[in-house]
Amino acid sequence: MLRVATEFNTRAPDGAQLVLIYRGLDLNEQAAELSLSNGQKIILYEDGEDFEVTAALDLRYDKFFQKNIWVAIPDWSTKSSR
């Protein structure tokens, strides 16, 4: 599973995580080479936080960016200490 950095305080009203960083770059910029798919499970973490959570990827249209972007929907029941 990919380990993806996020900012848990920056999310959509429905709880989807919008800021997704993989290996120092925006996950959206790497989507093709990583062969991302809807529903794919990833691990989300935030620097400075002592927990991580499993999330599912979802490709959706974002009104702010005016294009399709990858977001992550955390499953908070999987929250665990790092």
N, C-alpha and C. Protein backbone atom coordinates (compact mmCIF):
# COMPACT_ATOMS: atom_id res chain seq x y z
N MET A 1 0.83 -1.18 0.00
CA MET A 1 0.00 0.00 0.00
C MET A 1 0.88 1.24 0.00
N LEU A 2 0.47 2.23 -0.78
CA LEU A 2 1.20 3.50 -0.79
C LEU A 2 0.99 4.23 0.53
N ARG A 3 2.05 4.83 1.04
CA ARG A 3 1.96 5.71 2.22
C ARG A 3 1.97 7.14 1.70
N VAL A 4 0.89 7.85 1.93
CA VAL A 4 0.69 9.17 1.36
C VAL A 4 0.53 10.19 2.48
N ALA A 5 1.27 11.27 2.37
CA ALA A 5 1.16 12.36 3.36
C ALA A 5 -0.05 13.22 3.04
N THR A 6 -0.64 13.78 4.08
CA THR A 6 -1.80 14.66 3.93
C THR A 6 -1.78 15.70 5.03
N GLU A 7 -2.71 16.62 4.98
CA GLU A 7 -2.96 17.56 6.06
C GLU A 7 -4.38 17.30 6.52
N PHE A 8 -4.52 16.63 7.66
CA PHE A 8 -5.84 16.22 8.11
C PHE A 8 -6.79 17.38 8.34
N ASN A 9 -6.29 18.59 8.53
CA ASN A 9 -7.15 19.75 8.73
C ASN A 9 -7.62 20.37 7.42
N THR A 10 -7.11 19.87 6.29
CA THR A 10 -7.50 20.38 4.99
C THR A 10 -8.29 19.30 4.27
N ARG A 11 -9.62 19.41 4.35
CA ARG A 11 -10.46 18.39 3.74
C ARG A 11 -11.74 19.00 3.20
N ALA A 12 -12.38 18.26 2.33
CA ALA A 12 -13.66 18.68 1.76
C ALA A 12 -14.76 18.55 2.81
N PRO A 13 -15.89 19.21 2.59
CA PRO A 13 -16.99 19.11 3.54
C PRO A 13 -17.44 17.67 3.82
N ASP A 14 -17.27 16.77 2.84
CA ASP A 14 -17.67 15.38 3.05
C ASP A 14 -16.59 14.55 3.75
N GLY A 15 -15.47 15.19 4.13
CA GLY A 15 -14.40 14.51 4.85
C GLY A 15 -13.28 13.96 3.98
N ALA A 16 -13.39 14.09 2.68
CA ALA A 16 -12.34 13.61 1.78
C ALA A 16 -11.09 14.47 1.92
N GLN A 17 -9.95 13.81 1.98
CA GLN A 17 -8.67 14.51 2.06
C GLN A 17 -8.27 14.98 0.66
N LEU A 18 -7.98 16.28 0.54
CA LEU A 18 -7.68 16.89 -0.75
C LEU A 18 -6.18 17.00 -1.01
N VAL A 19 -5.39 17.20 0.03
CA VAL A 19 -3.95 17.38 -0.12
C VAL A 19 -3.30 16.00 0.03
N LEU A 20 -2.79 15.47 -1.08
CA LEU A 20 -2.18 14.15 -1.08
C LEU A 20 -0.77 14.26 -1.68
N ILE A 21 0.23 13.93 -0.87
CA ILE A 21 1.63 14.06 -1.29
C ILE A 21 2.31 12.69 -1.20
N TYR A 22 2.91 12.28 -2.31
CA TYR A 22 3.64 11.01 -2.35
C TYR A 22 5.06 11.28 -2.82
N ARG A 23 6.02 10.88 -2.01
CA ARG A 23 7.44 11.11 -2.32
C ARG A 23 7.73 12.57 -2.65
N GLY A 24 7.11 13.47 -1.88
CA GLY A 24 7.37 14.89 -2.01
C GLY A 24 6.65 15.60 -3.13
N LEU A 25 5.82 14.90 -3.90
CA LEU A 25 5.10 15.51 -5.02
C LEU A 25 3.60 15.27 -4.88
N ASP A 26 2.82 16.16 -5.48
CA ASP A 26 1.37 15.99 -5.51
C ASP A 26 1.03 14.65 -6.14
N LEU A 27 0.20 13.88 -5.46
CA LEU A 27 -0.18 12.55 -5.96
C LEU A 27 -0.82 12.64 -7.34
N ASN A 28 -1.57 13.71 -7.61
CA ASN A 28 -2.23 13.86 -8.90
C ASN A 28 -1.23 13.92 -10.06
N GLU A 29 -0.06 14.46 -9.81
CA GLU A 29 0.97 14.56 -10.84
C GLU A 29 1.60 13.20 -11.15
N GLN A 30 1.40 12.23 -10.28
CA GLN A 30 2.01 10.92 -10.43
C GLN A 30 0.99 9.81 -10.73
N ALA A 31 -0.26 10.20 -10.89
CA ALA A 31 -1.34 9.22 -11.02
C ALA A 31 -1.12 8.20 -12.13
N ALA A 32 -0.71 8.65 -13.29
CA ALA A 32 -0.54 7.74 -14.43
C ALA A 32 0.56 6.72 -14.17
N GLU A 33 1.71 7.18 -13.69
CA GLU A 33 2.82 6.25 -13.46
C GLU A 33 2.56 5.30 -12.30
N LEU A 34 1.70 5.71 -11.36
CA LEU A 34 1.36 4.85 -10.22
C LEU A 34 0.17 3.94 -10.51
N SER A 35 -0.48 4.14 -11.66
CA SER A 35 -1.66 3.36 -12.05
C SER A 35 -2.72 3.34 -10.95
N LEU A 36 -3.08 4.54 -10.48
CA LEU A 36 -4.08 4.65 -9.43
C LEU A 36 -5.45 4.21 -9.93
N SER A 37 -6.27 3.70 -9.01
CA SER A 37 -7.62 3.28 -9.39
C SER A 37 -8.61 3.65 -8.29
N ASN A 38 -9.85 3.88 -8.68
CA ASN A 38 -10.91 4.17 -7.72
C ASN A 38 -11.02 3.02 -6.73
N GLY A 39 -11.10 3.38 -5.46
CA GLY A 39 -11.23 2.38 -4.41
C GLY A 39 -9.92 1.82 -3.91
N GLN A 40 -8.82 2.15 -4.59
CA GLN A 40 -7.51 1.65 -4.15
C GLN A 40 -7.22 2.11 -2.74
N LYS A 41 -6.74 1.20 -1.90
CA LYS A 41 -6.44 1.53 -0.50
C LYS A 41 -5.03 2.11 -0.40
N ILE A 42 -4.91 3.15 0.43
CA ILE A 42 -3.63 3.77 0.73
C ILE A 42 -3.56 4.00 2.24
N ILE A 43 -2.40 4.35 2.73
CA ILE A 43 -2.23 4.72 4.12
C ILE A 43 -1.96 6.22 4.17
N LEU A 44 -2.75 6.95 4.93
CA LEU A 44 -2.57 8.39 5.11
C LEU A 44 -1.88 8.67 6.43
N TYR A 45 -0.97 9.63 6.40
CA TYR A 45 -0.31 10.09 7.63
C TYR A 45 -0.03 11.57 7.47
N GLU A 46 0.23 12.23 8.59
CA GLU A 46 0.61 13.63 8.57
C GLU A 46 1.88 13.78 9.39
N ASP A 47 2.87 14.48 8.83
CA ASP A 47 4.09 14.74 9.60
C ASP A 47 3.74 15.39 10.91
N GLY A 48 4.37 14.95 11.97
CA GLY A 48 4.12 15.52 13.28
C GLY A 48 2.99 14.85 14.04
N GLU A 49 2.20 14.04 13.36
CA GLU A 49 1.13 13.30 14.02
C GLU A 49 1.62 11.88 14.31
N ASP A 50 1.06 11.26 15.33
CA ASP A 50 1.54 9.94 15.73
C ASP A 50 0.56 8.83 15.34
N PHE A 51 -0.26 9.08 14.30
CA PHE A 51 -1.19 8.06 13.85
C PHE A 51 -1.25 8.03 12.33
N GLU A 52 -1.81 6.95 11.82
CA GLU A 52 -2.07 6.82 10.40
C GLU A 52 -3.43 6.16 10.24
N VAL A 53 -3.98 6.25 9.05
CA VAL A 53 -5.31 5.72 8.79
C VAL A 53 -5.37 5.19 7.36
N THR A 54 -6.09 4.11 7.15
CA THR A 54 -6.30 3.59 5.81
C THR A 54 -7.37 4.43 5.13
N ALA A 55 -7.19 4.65 3.83
CA ALA A 55 -8.16 5.45 3.07
C ALA A 55 -8.34 4.83 1.69
N ALA A 56 -9.45 5.17 1.06
CA ALA A 56 -9.73 4.72 -0.31
C ALA A 56 -9.62 5.91 -1.25
N LEU A 57 -8.97 5.71 -2.39
CA LEU A 57 -8.85 6.77 -3.38
C LEU A 57 -10.14 6.91 -4.18
N ASP A 58 -10.42 8.14 -4.57
CA ASP A 58 -11.59 8.43 -5.40
C ASP A 58 -11.22 9.54 -6.36
N LEU A 59 -11.49 9.33 -7.64
CA LEU A 59 -11.25 10.36 -8.65
C LEU A 59 -12.56 11.11 -8.85
N ARG A 60 -12.54 12.42 -8.59
CA ARG A 60 -13.78 13.19 -8.69
C ARG A 60 -13.50 14.60 -9.20
N TYR A 61 -14.55 15.19 -9.76
CA TYR A 61 -14.43 16.56 -10.25
C TYR A 61 -14.44 17.52 -9.07
N ASP A 62 -13.49 18.43 -9.06
CA ASP A 62 -13.42 19.42 -7.99
C ASP A 62 -13.72 20.80 -8.59
N LYS A 63 -14.71 21.47 -8.01
CA LYS A 63 -15.13 22.78 -8.53
C LYS A 63 -14.03 23.83 -8.38
N PHE A 64 -13.28 23.78 -7.29
CA PHE A 64 -12.23 24.77 -7.07
C PHE A 64 -11.13 24.63 -8.13
N PHE A 65 -10.66 23.39 -8.34
CA PHE A 65 -9.59 23.15 -9.31
C PHE A 65 -10.12 23.07 -10.74
N GLN A 66 -11.43 22.90 -10.89
CA GLN A 66 -12.09 22.78 -12.18
C GLN A 66 -11.52 21.66 -13.03
N LYS A 67 -11.29 20.53 -12.37
CA LYS A 67 -10.81 19.33 -13.06
C LYS A 67 -10.97 18.13 -12.13
N ASN A 68 -10.78 16.95 -12.68
CA ASN A 68 -10.80 15.74 -11.87
C ASN A 68 -9.52 15.66 -11.06
N ILE A 69 -9.66 15.34 -9.78
CA ILE A 69 -8.50 15.16 -8.91
C ILE A 69 -8.71 13.90 -8.07
N TRP A 70 -7.61 13.34 -7.61
CA TRP A 70 -7.67 12.22 -6.69
C TRP A 70 -7.82 12.76 -5.28
N VAL A 71 -8.76 12.18 -4.54
CA VAL A 71 -8.94 12.49 -3.13
C VAL A 71 -8.89 11.16 -2.37
N ALA A 72 -8.73 11.25 -1.07
CA ALA A 72 -8.71 10.04 -0.24
C ALA A 72 -9.80 10.13 0.81
N ILE A 73 -10.55 9.05 0.96
CA ILE A 73 -11.62 8.99 1.94
C ILE A 73 -11.16 8.10 3.09
N PRO A 74 -10.82 8.73 4.23
CA PRO A 74 -10.30 7.96 5.37
C PRO A 74 -11.35 7.03 5.98
N ASP A 75 -10.89 5.88 6.39
CA ASP A 75 -11.72 4.96 7.18
C ASP A 75 -11.21 5.10 8.61
N TRP A 76 -11.85 5.98 9.38
CA TRP A 76 -11.36 6.31 10.71
C TRP A 76 -11.38 5.12 11.67
N SER A 77 -12.09 4.06 11.31
CA SER A 77 -12.08 2.86 12.17
C SER A 77 -10.73 2.13 12.11
N THR A 78 -9.89 2.52 11.13
CA THR A 78 -8.57 1.89 10.98
C THR A 78 -7.44 2.70 11.59
N LYS A 79 -7.78 3.81 12.26
CA LYS A 79 -6.76 4.68 12.85
C LYS A 79 -5.88 3.89 13.81
N SER A 80 -4.56 4.03 13.61
CA SER A 80 -3.62 3.31 14.48
C SER A 80 -2.38 4.16 14.73
N SER A 81 -1.70 3.86 15.81
CA SER A 81 -0.46 4.58 16.15
C SER A 81 0.66 4.18 15.22
N ARG A 82 1.53 5.15 14.95
CA ARG A 82 2.71 4.85 14.12
C ARG A 82 3.87 4.51 15.00
